[in-house]
C-alpha atoms as a PDB file:
ATOM      1  CA  MET A   1     -22.237 -24.348  13.252  1.00  0.00           C
ATOM      2  CA  PRO A   2     -19.462 -24.221  10.599  1.00  0.00           C
ATOM      3  CA  ALA A   3     -17.266 -21.128  10.545  1.00  0.00           C
ATOM      4  CA  SER A   4     -18.186 -18.587   7.898  1.00  0.00           C
ATOM      5  CA  PRO A   5     -15.712 -17.870   5.069  1.00  0.00           C
ATOM      6  CA  ALA A   6     -15.157 -14.399   6.509  1.00  0.00           C
ATOM      7  CA  GLY A   7     -14.474 -15.935   9.894  1.00  0.00           C
ATOM      8  CA  SER A   8     -11.897 -18.280   8.422  1.00  0.00           C
ATOM      9  CA  VAL A   9     -10.150 -15.341   6.760  1.00  0.00           C
ATOM     10  CA  ALA A  10     -10.273 -13.390  10.041  1.00  0.00           C
ATOM     11  CA  GLY A  11      -8.660 -16.313  11.853  1.00  0.00           C
ATOM     12  CA  SER A  12      -6.011 -16.646   9.185  1.00  0.00           C
ATOM     13  CA  VAL A  13      -5.186 -12.938   9.389  1.00  0.00           C
ATOM     14  CA  ALA A  14      -5.249 -12.895  13.177  1.00  0.00           C
ATOM     15  CA  GLU A  15      -2.616 -15.622  13.373  1.00  0.00           C
ATOM     16  CA  ARG A  16      -0.157 -13.305  11.661  1.00  0.00           C
ATOM     17  CA  GLU A  17      -1.021  -9.878  13.067  1.00  0.00           C
ATOM     18  CA  PRO A  18       2.211  -8.048  14.037  1.00  0.00           C
ATOM     19  CA  ASP A  19       2.698  -6.536  17.473  1.00  0.00           C
ATOM     20  CA  GLY A  20       3.117  -3.099  15.915  1.00  0.00           C
ATOM     21  CA  GLY A  21       5.492  -1.038  13.785  1.00  0.00           C
ATOM     22  CA  PRO A  22       6.553  -2.177  10.319  1.00  0.00           C
ATOM     23  CA  PRO A  23       5.839  -5.920   9.985  1.00  0.00           C
ATOM     24  CA  ALA A  24       8.805  -8.082  10.946  1.00  0.00           C
ATOM     25  CA  PRO A  25      10.458 -10.172   8.214  1.00  0.00           C
ATOM     26  CA  ALA A  26       9.612 -13.859   7.999  1.00  0.00           C
ATOM     27  CA  ALA A  27      12.735 -15.728   6.958  1.00  0.00           C
ATOM     28  CA  GLY A  28      12.433 -17.303   3.538  1.00  0.00           C
ATOM     29  CA  ARG A  29       8.827 -16.212   3.025  1.00  0.00           C
ATOM     30  CA  PRO A  30       8.065 -13.623   0.312  1.00  0.00           C
ATOM     31  CA  LEU A  31       5.400 -11.096   1.205  1.00  0.00           C
ATOM     32  CA  MET A  32       3.676 -11.429  -2.177  1.00  0.00           C
ATOM     33  CA  VAL A  33       3.692 -14.253  -4.715  1.00  0.00           C
ATOM     34  CA  LEU A  34       2.015 -14.083  -8.137  1.00  0.00           C
ATOM     35  CA  ARG A  35       2.004 -17.355 -10.078  1.00  0.00           C
ATOM     36  CA  LYS A  36       0.796 -17.395 -13.694  1.00  0.00           C
ATOM     37  CA  VAL A  37      -1.710 -14.635 -12.940  1.00  0.00           C
ATOM     38  CA  SER A  38      -4.005 -13.744 -15.830  1.00  0.00           C
ATOM     39  CA  LYS A  39      -6.998 -11.447 -16.070  1.00  0.00           C
ATOM     40  CA  VAL A  40      -9.521 -11.620 -18.896  1.00  0.00           C
ATOM     41  CA  TYR A  41     -12.472  -9.280 -19.341  1.00  0.00           C
ATOM     42  CA  GLY A  42     -15.349 -10.513 -21.498  1.00  0.00           C
ATOM     43  CA  ALA A  43     -15.470 -13.769 -23.455  1.00  0.00           C
ATOM     44  CA  GLY A  44     -15.143 -15.138 -26.952  1.00  0.00           C
ATOM     45  CA  GLU A  45     -14.197 -12.739 -29.724  1.00  0.00           C
ATOM     46  CA  ILE A  46     -14.583  -9.679 -27.483  1.00  0.00           C
ATOM     47  CA  ALA A  47     -12.361 -11.039 -24.692  1.00  0.00           C
ATOM     48  CA  VAL A  48      -9.648  -8.641 -23.528  1.00  0.00           C
ATOM     49  CA  HIS A  49      -6.546 -10.256 -22.023  1.00  0.00           C
ATOM     50  CA  ALA A  50      -5.450  -7.536 -19.618  1.00  0.00           C
ATOM     51  CA  LEU A  51      -2.791  -9.720 -17.937  1.00  0.00           C
ATOM     52  CA  ARG A  52      -1.093 -12.827 -19.313  1.00  0.00           C
ATOM     53  CA  SER A  53       0.627 -15.330 -16.988  1.00  0.00           C
ATOM     54  CA  VAL A  54       2.385 -12.746 -14.816  1.00  0.00           C
ATOM     55  CA  ASP A  55       4.941 -14.246 -12.396  1.00  0.00           C
ATOM     56  CA  PHE A  56       6.887 -12.424  -9.692  1.00  0.00           C
ATOM     57  CA  THR A  57       7.475 -12.283  -5.949  1.00  0.00           C
ATOM     58  CA  VAL A  58       7.923  -9.355  -3.565  1.00  0.00           C
ATOM     59  CA  GLU A  59      10.189  -9.644  -0.523  1.00  0.00           C
ATOM     60  CA  ARG A  60       9.480  -7.822   2.727  1.00  0.00           C
ATOM     61  CA  GLY A  61      11.196  -4.448   2.811  1.00  0.00           C
ATOM     62  CA  ASP A  62      11.416  -4.114  -0.970  1.00  0.00           C
ATOM     63  CA  TYR A  63      10.463  -0.973  -2.901  1.00  0.00           C
ATOM     64  CA  ILE A  64       9.109  -1.752  -6.368  1.00  0.00           C
ATOM     65  CA  ALA A  65       8.003   0.457  -9.258  1.00  0.00           C
ATOM     66  CA  ILE A  66       5.690  -1.020 -11.900  1.00  0.00           C
ATOM     67  CA  MET A  67       5.839   0.750 -15.252  1.00  0.00           C
ATOM     68  CA  GLY A  68       4.097   0.447 -18.586  1.00  0.00           C
ATOM     69  CA  SER A  69       2.314   2.485 -21.225  1.00  0.00           C
ATOM     70  CA  SER A  70      -1.453   2.926 -21.379  1.00  0.00           C
ATOM     71  CA  GLY A  71      -3.048  -0.477 -21.962  1.00  0.00           C
ATOM     72  CA  SER A  72      -0.023  -2.383 -20.645  1.00  0.00           C
ATOM     73  CA  GLY A  73      -1.980  -3.927 -17.772  1.00  0.00           C
ATOM     74  CA  LYS A  74      -0.418  -1.993 -14.903  1.00  0.00           C
ATOM     75  CA  SER A  75      -3.753  -0.671 -13.617  1.00  0.00           C
ATOM     76  CA  THR A  76      -5.247  -4.164 -13.728  1.00  0.00           C
ATOM     77  CA  LEU A  77      -2.223  -5.501 -11.855  1.00  0.00           C
ATOM     78  CA  MET A  78      -2.606  -2.738  -9.263  1.00  0.00           C
ATOM     79  CA  HIS A  79      -6.246  -3.755  -8.711  1.00  0.00           C
ATOM     80  CA  LEU A  80      -5.268  -7.392  -8.229  1.00  0.00           C
ATOM     81  CA  ILE A  81      -2.360  -6.617  -5.874  1.00  0.00           C
ATOM     82  CA  GLY A  82      -4.631  -4.256  -3.921  1.00  0.00           C
ATOM     83  CA  CYS A  83      -7.342  -6.927  -3.496  1.00  0.00           C
ATOM     84  CA  LEU A  84      -9.781  -4.781  -5.454  1.00  0.00           C
ATOM     85  CA  ASP A  85     -10.276  -7.658  -7.909  1.00  0.00           C
ATOM     86  CA  VAL A  86      -9.256 -11.303  -8.330  1.00  0.00           C
ATOM     87  CA  PRO A  87      -7.420 -12.998 -11.216  1.00  0.00           C
ATOM     88  CA  THR A  88      -9.233 -15.022 -13.850  1.00  0.00           C
ATOM     89  CA  SER A  89      -6.581 -17.710 -13.469  1.00  0.00           C
ATOM     90  CA  GLY A  90      -3.365 -18.213 -11.533  1.00  0.00           C
ATOM     91  CA  GLN A  91      -2.605 -17.683  -7.855  1.00  0.00           C
ATOM     92  CA  TYR A  92      -1.933 -14.590  -5.750  1.00  0.00           C
ATOM     93  CA  LEU A  93      -0.612 -15.023  -2.211  1.00  0.00           C
ATOM     94  CA  LEU A  94      -0.454 -11.988   0.087  1.00  0.00           C
ATOM     95  CA  ASP A  95       1.289 -12.581   3.407  1.00  0.00           C
ATOM     96  CA  ARG A  96       0.572 -16.326   2.959  1.00  0.00           C
ATOM     97  CA  ILE A  97      -3.149 -15.753   2.295  1.00  0.00           C
ATOM     98  CA  ASP A  98      -4.388 -17.056  -1.075  1.00  0.00           C
ATOM     99  CA  VAL A  99      -6.650 -14.213  -2.154  1.00  0.00           C
ATOM    100  CA  SER A 100      -7.270 -15.588  -5.659  1.00  0.00           C
ATOM    101  CA  GLY A 101     -10.726 -16.978  -4.885  1.00  0.00           C
ATOM    102  CA  LEU A 102     -11.974 -14.672  -2.131  1.00  0.00           C
ATOM    103  CA  ASP A 103     -15.377 -13.007  -2.340  1.00  0.00           C
ATOM    104  CA  ASP A 104     -15.919  -9.264  -1.997  1.00  0.00           C
ATOM    105  CA  PHE A 105     -16.358  -9.332   1.785  1.00  0.00           C
ATOM    106  CA  GLU A 106     -13.227 -11.414   2.297  1.00  0.00           C
ATOM    107  CA  LEU A 107     -11.256  -9.167  -0.056  1.00  0.00           C
ATOM    108  CA  SER A 108     -12.335  -6.088   1.919  1.00  0.00           C
ATOM    109  CA  TYR A 109     -11.256  -7.762   5.165  1.00  0.00           C
ATOM    110  CA  VAL A 110      -7.790  -8.572   3.818  1.00  0.00           C
ATOM    111  CA  ARG A 111      -7.480  -5.152   2.179  1.00  0.00           C
ATOM    112  CA  ASN A 112      -8.329  -3.381   5.443  1.00  0.00           C
ATOM    113  CA  ARG A 113      -5.793  -5.441   7.403  1.00  0.00           C
ATOM    114  CA  LYS A 114      -2.927  -5.848   4.951  1.00  0.00           C
ATOM    115  CA  ILE A 115      -2.828  -3.023   2.394  1.00  0.00           C
ATOM    116  CA  GLY A 116      -2.425   0.741   2.601  1.00  0.00           C
ATOM    117  CA  LEU A 117      -3.662   2.412  -0.600  1.00  0.00           C
ATOM    118  CA  VAL A 118      -2.409   5.755  -1.921  1.00  0.00           C
ATOM    119  CA  PHE A 119      -4.049   7.318  -4.985  1.00  0.00           C
ATOM    120  CA  GLN A 120      -3.043   9.937  -7.522  1.00  0.00           C
ATOM    121  CA  SER A 121      -6.040  12.127  -6.618  1.00  0.00           C
ATOM    122  CA  PHE A 122      -5.482  11.836  -2.824  1.00  0.00           C
ATOM    123  CA  ASN A 123      -9.147  10.813  -2.166  1.00  0.00           C
ATOM    124  CA  LEU A 124      -9.386  12.873   1.023  1.00  0.00           C
ATOM    125  CA  ILE A 125     -12.847  13.829   2.320  1.00  0.00           C
ATOM    126  CA  PRO A 126     -13.041  17.583   1.546  1.00  0.00           C
ATOM    127  CA  ARG A 127     -14.987  18.838   4.581  1.00  0.00           C
ATOM    128  CA  THR A 128     -13.110  16.725   7.127  1.00  0.00           C
ATOM    129  CA  THR A 129      -9.852  17.597   8.865  1.00  0.00           C
ATOM    130  CA  VAL A 130      -6.596  15.789   8.212  1.00  0.00           C
ATOM    131  CA  LEU A 131      -6.938  14.102  11.602  1.00  0.00           C
ATOM    132  CA  ARG A 132     -10.416  12.759  10.857  1.00  0.00           C
ATOM    133  CA  ASN A 133      -9.356  11.629   7.376  1.00  0.00           C
ATOM    134  CA  VAL A 134      -6.460   9.658   8.849  1.00  0.00           C
ATOM    135  CA  GLU A 135      -8.653   8.193  11.602  1.00  0.00           C
ATOM    136  CA  LEU A 136     -11.224   6.887   9.123  1.00  0.00           C
ATOM    137  CA  PRO A 137      -9.722   3.404   8.450  1.00  0.00           C
ATOM    138  CA  LEU A 138      -9.549   2.848  12.220  1.00  0.00           C
ATOM    139  CA  VAL A 139     -13.210   3.851  12.553  1.00  0.00           C
ATOM    140  CA  TYR A 140     -14.112   1.154  10.019  1.00  0.00           C
ATOM    141  CA  ALA A 141     -12.007  -1.302  11.999  1.00  0.00           C
ATOM    142  CA  ARG A 142     -13.891  -0.438  15.229  1.00  0.00           C
ATOM    143  CA  VAL A 143     -10.744   0.720  17.026  1.00  0.00           C
ATOM    144  CA  PRO A 144     -11.609   2.547  20.294  1.00  0.00           C
ATOM    145  CA  ARG A 145     -11.663   6.340  20.062  1.00  0.00           C
ATOM    146  CA  ALA A 146      -8.669   7.100  22.294  1.00  0.00           C
ATOM    147  CA  GLU A 147      -6.480   4.525  20.552  1.00  0.00           C
ATOM    148  CA  ARG A 148      -7.408   5.615  17.058  1.00  0.00           C
ATOM    149  CA  ARG A 149      -6.798   9.281  17.923  1.00  0.00           C
ATOM    150  CA  ALA A 150      -3.320   8.455  19.259  1.00  0.00           C
ATOM    151  CA  ARG A 151      -2.478   6.294  16.253  1.00  0.00           C
ATOM    152  CA  ALA A 152      -3.757   8.890  13.778  1.00  0.00           C
ATOM    153  CA  LEU A 153      -1.719  11.658  15.404  1.00  0.00           C
ATOM    154  CA  GLU A 154       1.380   9.471  15.298  1.00  0.00           C
ATOM    155  CA  ALA A 155       0.843   8.649  11.618  1.00  0.00           C
ATOM    156  CA  ILE A 156       0.383  12.367  10.872  1.00  0.00           C
ATOM    157  CA  ALA A 157       3.600  13.140  12.744  1.00  0.00           C
ATOM    158  CA  SER A 158       5.451  10.440  10.809  1.00  0.00           C
ATOM    159  CA  VAL A 159       4.726  12.255   7.521  1.00  0.00           C
ATOM    160  CA  GLY A 160       5.604  15.678   8.921  1.00  0.00           C
ATOM    161  CA  LEU A 161       2.104  17.185   9.169  1.00  0.00           C
ATOM    162  CA  SER A 162       1.645  17.648  12.918  1.00  0.00           C
ATOM    163  CA  ASP A 163       0.981  21.358  12.476  1.00  0.00           C
ATOM    164  CA  ARG A 164      -1.698  20.654   9.847  1.00  0.00           C
ATOM    165  CA  ALA A 165      -3.725  18.000  11.722  1.00  0.00           C
ATOM    166  CA  THR A 166      -6.754  20.264  12.209  1.00  0.00           C
ATOM    167  CA  HIS A 167      -6.677  21.737   8.700  1.00  0.00           C
ATOM    168  CA  LEU A 168      -9.063  20.843   5.879  1.00  0.00           C
ATOM    169  CA  PRO A 169      -7.645  19.342   2.647  1.00  0.00           C
ATOM    170  CA  SER A 170      -8.444  22.601   0.814  1.00  0.00           C
ATOM    171  CA  GLU A 171      -6.038  24.392   3.159  1.00  0.00           C
ATOM    172  CA  LEU A 172      -3.128  22.145   2.155  1.00  0.00           C
ATOM    173  CA  SER A 173      -0.801  22.112  -0.839  1.00  0.00           C
ATOM    174  CA  GLY A 174      -0.900  19.140  -3.207  1.00  0.00           C
ATOM    175  CA  GLY A 175       2.184  17.642  -1.599  1.00  0.00           C
ATOM    176  CA  GLN A 176       0.695  18.058   1.881  1.00  0.00           C
ATOM    177  CA  GLN A 177      -2.561  16.418   0.756  1.00  0.00           C
ATOM    178  CA  GLN A 178      -0.612  13.427  -0.550  1.00  0.00           C
ATOM    179  CA  ARG A 179       1.326  13.202   2.712  1.00  0.00           C
ATOM    180  CA  ALA A 180      -2.014  13.157   4.568  1.00  0.00           C
ATOM    181  CA  ALA A 181      -3.174  10.363   2.264  1.00  0.00           C
ATOM    182  CA  ILE A 182       0.006   8.409   3.031  1.00  0.00           C
ATOM    183  CA  ALA A 183      -0.609   8.868   6.777  1.00  0.00           C
ATOM    184  CA  ARG A 184      -4.100   7.437   6.286  1.00  0.00           C
ATOM    185  CA  ALA A 185      -2.624   4.506   4.358  1.00  0.00           C
ATOM    186  CA  ILE A 186      -0.109   3.558   7.064  1.00  0.00           C
ATOM    187  CA  VAL A 187      -2.264   4.159  10.158  1.00  0.00           C
ATOM    188  CA  THR A 188      -3.539   0.550  10.128  1.00  0.00           C
ATOM    189  CA  ASN A 189       0.057  -0.730  10.000  1.00  0.00           C
ATOM    190  CA  PRO A 190      -0.381  -2.585   6.676  1.00  0.00           C
ATOM    191  CA  VAL A 191       2.125  -5.136   5.402  1.00  0.00           C
ATOM    192  CA  ILE A 192       2.350  -3.290   2.074  1.00  0.00           C
ATOM    193  CA  LEU A 193       1.952   0.300   0.885  1.00  0.00           C
ATOM    194  CA  LEU A 194       0.436   0.307  -2.610  1.00  0.00           C
ATOM    195  CA  ALA A 195       0.646   3.643  -4.439  1.00  0.00           C
ATOM    196  CA  ASP A 196      -1.072   4.318  -7.772  1.00  0.00           C
ATOM    197  CA  GLU A 197       0.670   7.190  -9.611  1.00  0.00           C
ATOM    198  CA  PRO A 198       1.260   9.001  -6.279  1.00  0.00           C
ATOM    199  CA  THR A 199       3.143  11.911  -7.904  1.00  0.00           C
ATOM    200  CA  GLY A 200       0.945  12.257 -10.993  1.00  0.00           C
ATOM    201  CA  ASN A 201      -0.813  15.429  -9.776  1.00  0.00           C
ATOM    202  CA  LEU A 202       2.201  17.048  -8.123  1.00  0.00           C
ATOM    203  CA  ASP A 203       4.773  19.644  -9.150  1.00  0.00           C
ATOM    204  CA  SER A 204       8.478  18.835  -9.071  1.00  0.00           C
ATOM    205  CA  VAL A 205       9.018  20.130  -5.522  1.00  0.00           C
ATOM    206  CA  SER A 206       6.103  18.129  -4.092  1.00  0.00           C
ATOM    207  CA  THR A 207       7.171  15.072  -6.100  1.00  0.00           C
ATOM    208  CA  HIS A 208      10.589  15.250  -4.460  1.00  0.00           C
ATOM    209  CA  GLU A 209       8.924  15.512  -1.027  1.00  0.00           C
ATOM    210  CA  ILE A 210       6.794  12.419  -1.615  1.00  0.00           C
ATOM    211  CA  LEU A 211       9.703  10.372  -2.966  1.00  0.00           C
ATOM    212  CA  GLU A 212      11.777  11.366   0.077  1.00  0.00           C
ATOM    213  CA  LEU A 213       8.905  10.247   2.287  1.00  0.00           C
ATOM    214  CA  PHE A 214       8.643   6.886   0.515  1.00  0.00           C
ATOM    215  CA  ALA A 215      12.400   6.399   0.902  1.00  0.00           C
ATOM    216  CA  HIS A 216      12.065   7.268   4.596  1.00  0.00           C
ATOM    217  CA  LEU A 217       9.233   4.757   5.105  1.00  0.00           C
ATOM    218  CA  ASN A 218      11.135   2.061   3.218  1.00  0.00           C
ATOM    219  CA  LEU A 219      14.235   2.655   5.339  1.00  0.00           C
ATOM    220  CA  LEU A 220      12.024   2.060   8.375  1.00  0.00           C
ATOM    221  CA  GLY A 221      11.078  -1.346   6.957  1.00  0.00           C
ATOM    222  CA  ARG A 222       7.894  -0.710   4.996  1.00  0.00           C
ATOM    223  CA  THR A 223       7.292  -2.588   1.747  1.00  0.00           C
ATOM    224  CA  ILE A 224       6.218  -0.309  -1.117  1.00  0.00           C
ATOM    225  CA  VAL A 225       4.767  -1.127  -4.536  1.00  0.00           C
ATOM    226  CA  MET A 226       4.252   1.922  -6.736  1.00  0.00           C
ATOM    227  CA  ILE A 227       2.566   2.232 -10.127  1.00  0.00           C
ATOM    228  CA  THR A 228       4.137   4.995 -12.229  1.00  0.00           C
ATOM    229  CA  HIS A 229       4.756   6.045 -15.812  1.00  0.00           C
ATOM    230  CA  GLU A 230       7.545   8.468 -14.873  1.00  0.00           C
ATOM    231  CA  PRO A 231      11.107   7.106 -15.342  1.00  0.00           C
ATOM    232  CA  ASP A 232      12.614   9.593 -12.877  1.00  0.00           C
ATOM    233  CA  VAL A 233      10.173   8.387 -10.205  1.00  0.00           C
ATOM    234  CA  ALA A 234      10.924   4.726 -10.952  1.00  0.00           C
ATOM    235  CA  GLU A 235      14.638   5.459 -10.587  1.00  0.00           C
ATOM    236  CA  ARG A 236      14.063   5.909  -6.847  1.00  0.00           C
ATOM    237  CA  ALA A 237      12.773   2.333  -6.405  1.00  0.00           C
ATOM    238  CA  LYS A 238      14.912  -0.695  -5.592  1.00  0.00           C
ATOM    239  CA  ARG A 239      13.364  -2.760  -8.382  1.00  0.00           C
ATOM    240  CA  VAL A 240      11.512  -1.863 -11.585  1.00  0.00           C
ATOM    241  CA  LEU A 241       9.025  -4.114 -13.403  1.00  0.00           C
ATOM    242  CA  HIS A 242       7.920  -3.248 -16.943  1.00  0.00           C
ATOM    243  CA  LEU A 243       4.632  -4.446 -18.433  1.00  0.00           C
ATOM    244  CA  ALA A 244       3.654  -4.481 -22.109  1.00  0.00           C
ATOM    245  CA  ASP A 245       0.469  -5.941 -23.589  1.00  0.00           C
ATOM    246  CA  GLY A 246      -0.353  -7.613 -20.293  1.00  0.00           C
ATOM    247  CA  GLU A 247       2.986  -9.395 -19.987  1.00  0.00           C
ATOM    248  CA  LEU A 248       5.923  -8.819 -17.669  1.00  0.00           C
ATOM    249  CA  VAL A 249       8.717  -7.970 -20.124  1.00  0.00           C
ATOM    250  CA  SER A 250      11.519  -6.864 -17.794  1.00  0.00           C
ATOM    251  CA  ASP A 251      12.481  -7.039 -14.136  1.00  0.00           C
ATOM    252  CA  VAL A 252      15.454  -4.869 -13.124  1.00  0.00           C
ATOM    253  CA  ARG A 253      16.996  -4.815  -9.648  1.00  0.00           C
ATOM    254  CA  GLN A 254      18.401  -1.314  -8.896  1.00  0.00           C
ATOM    255  CA  ALA A 255      19.305  -1.774  -5.212  1.00  0.00           C
ATOM    256  CA  PRO A 256      19.358  -4.701  -2.777  1.00  0.00           C
ATOM    257  CA  VAL A 257      16.217  -5.412  -0.758  1.00  0.00           C
ATOM    258  CA  GLY A 258      18.050  -4.897   2.535  1.00  0.00           C
ATOM    259  CA  GLY A 259      19.765  -1.652   1.546  1.00  0.00           C
ATOM    260  CA  PRO A 260      18.564   1.930   1.098  1.00  0.00           C
ATOM    261  CA  PRO A 261      16.637   2.843  -2.057  1.00  0.00           C
ATOM    262  CA  PRO A 262      18.568   4.684  -4.783  1.00  0.00           C
ATOM    263  CA  GLY A 263      19.147   8.306  -3.891  1.00  0.00           C
ATOM    264  CA  ALA A 264      18.386   7.789  -0.189  1.00  0.00           C
ATOM    265  CA  SER A 265      20.783   8.210   2.702  1.00  0.00           C
ATOM    266  CA  HIS A 266      21.664   5.228   4.903  1.00  0.00           C
ATOM    267  CA  ALA A 267      19.581   6.653   7.750  1.00  0.00           C
ATOM    268  CA  PRO A 268      15.949   7.825   7.741  1.00  0.00           C
ATOM    269  CA  VAL A 269      15.783  11.323   6.290  1.00  0.00           C
ATOM    270  CA  ALA A 270      14.423  14.355   8.086  1.00  0.00           C
ATOM    271  CA  LEU A 271      10.996  15.258   6.757  1.00  0.00           C
ATOM    272  CA  PRO A 272       9.299  18.673   6.694  1.00  0.00           C
ATOM    273  CA  ASP A 273       7.867  19.866  10.057  1.00  0.00           C
ATOM    274  CA  SER A 274      10.533  17.774  11.849  1.00  0.00           C
ATOM    275  CA  ALA A 275       7.977  15.572  13.590  1.00  0.00           C
ATOM    276  CA  ALA A 276       8.578  12.605  11.289  1.00  0.00           C
ATOM    277  CA  GLY A 277      10.762   9.644  12.048  1.00  0.00           C
ATOM    278  CA  THR A 278       8.898   8.223  15.029  1.00  0.00           C
ATOM    279  CA  THR A 279       9.358   4.507  15.498  1.00  0.00           C
ATOM    280  CA  THR A 280       6.896   3.967  18.312  1.00  0.00           C
ATOM    281  CA  LYS A 281       5.207   0.580  17.906  1.00  0.00           C
ATOM    282  CA  TRP A 282       1.478   0.564  17.314  1.00  0.00           C
ATOM    283  CA  PRO A 283      -0.790  -2.147  18.710  1.00  0.00           C
ATOM    284  CA  ALA A 284      -2.281  -4.357  16.045  1.00  0.00           C
ATOM    285  CA  ILE A 285      -5.980  -4.129  15.198  1.00  0.00           C
ATOM    286  CA  SER A 286      -7.620  -6.976  17.065  1.00  0.00           C
ATOM    287  CA  SER A 287      -9.279  -9.537  14.841  1.00  0.00           C
ATOM    288  CA  ALA A 288     -11.962  -9.844  17.542  1.00  0.00           C
ATOM    289  CA  ARG A 289     -13.379  -6.521  16.432  1.00  0.00           C
ATOM    290  CA  PRO A 290     -15.640  -6.803  13.375  1.00  0.00           C
ATOM    291  CA  VAL A 291     -14.915  -4.662  10.333  1.00  0.00           C
ATOM    292  CA  LEU A 292     -17.097  -3.176   7.606  1.00  0.00           C
ATOM    293  CA  GLY A 293     -20.284  -4.435   9.167  1.00  0.00           C
ATOM    294  CA  ALA A 294     -19.002  -7.888  10.055  1.00  0.00           C
END
């Protein structure tokens, strides 16, 4: 019997699963490649060209901010990068997987394995503890209970929330809720952390906390792509892309890929609650375990 499309994607992902910790660099291979990517909604006279022939690559260990005004296409680009949608034309490679023509099931498989999503509104389950919220992606991935508990606790410690693991989201500040959301995003050990306006609902103190945490994670080797409209937030990234009318109009390098992000120290910073900074390697999620009903 021929392999199913989902099975072929699972095999492709399994060949490149890391042994744990931030994914190791692959010499000469960008983590993300977008080639002439366009997205059109509708057809004929009512067609909306949300993205027009966007080209760029993302190296492992980079920290990128994508900026643009309302209607610039940055939200559409975020959906494509996050495997929440596919381009109308062009090619998108994520960790050597061509996701341009994948169906919804295949996109969910790649998204679960490769991408950690962080949202402006946190998207935590209100009546569930921080620990259970962070465990959730590992539940979907059928990770055994003892392993997922250990990995969730380590992710919570890495964002400085060890003393809040049994608290409900309503018992946390906005900054603490976003840190919990970041722990949930990194618990599967994704190749990229994709953040959509992560400081949009935060005050200045909490914004500083989250930007320090992103700098810390990037110093530990994690690749970050962040959507933002705030110039002072974008200043903390190593590279800034600007979109206008669906086109990439500028691409500014602010710090080298292999160096610290602007404003960060040359060593991982100390985070609140002092439990952060762990570098223990996590075992990869086995591709033998089905996900999302597979």
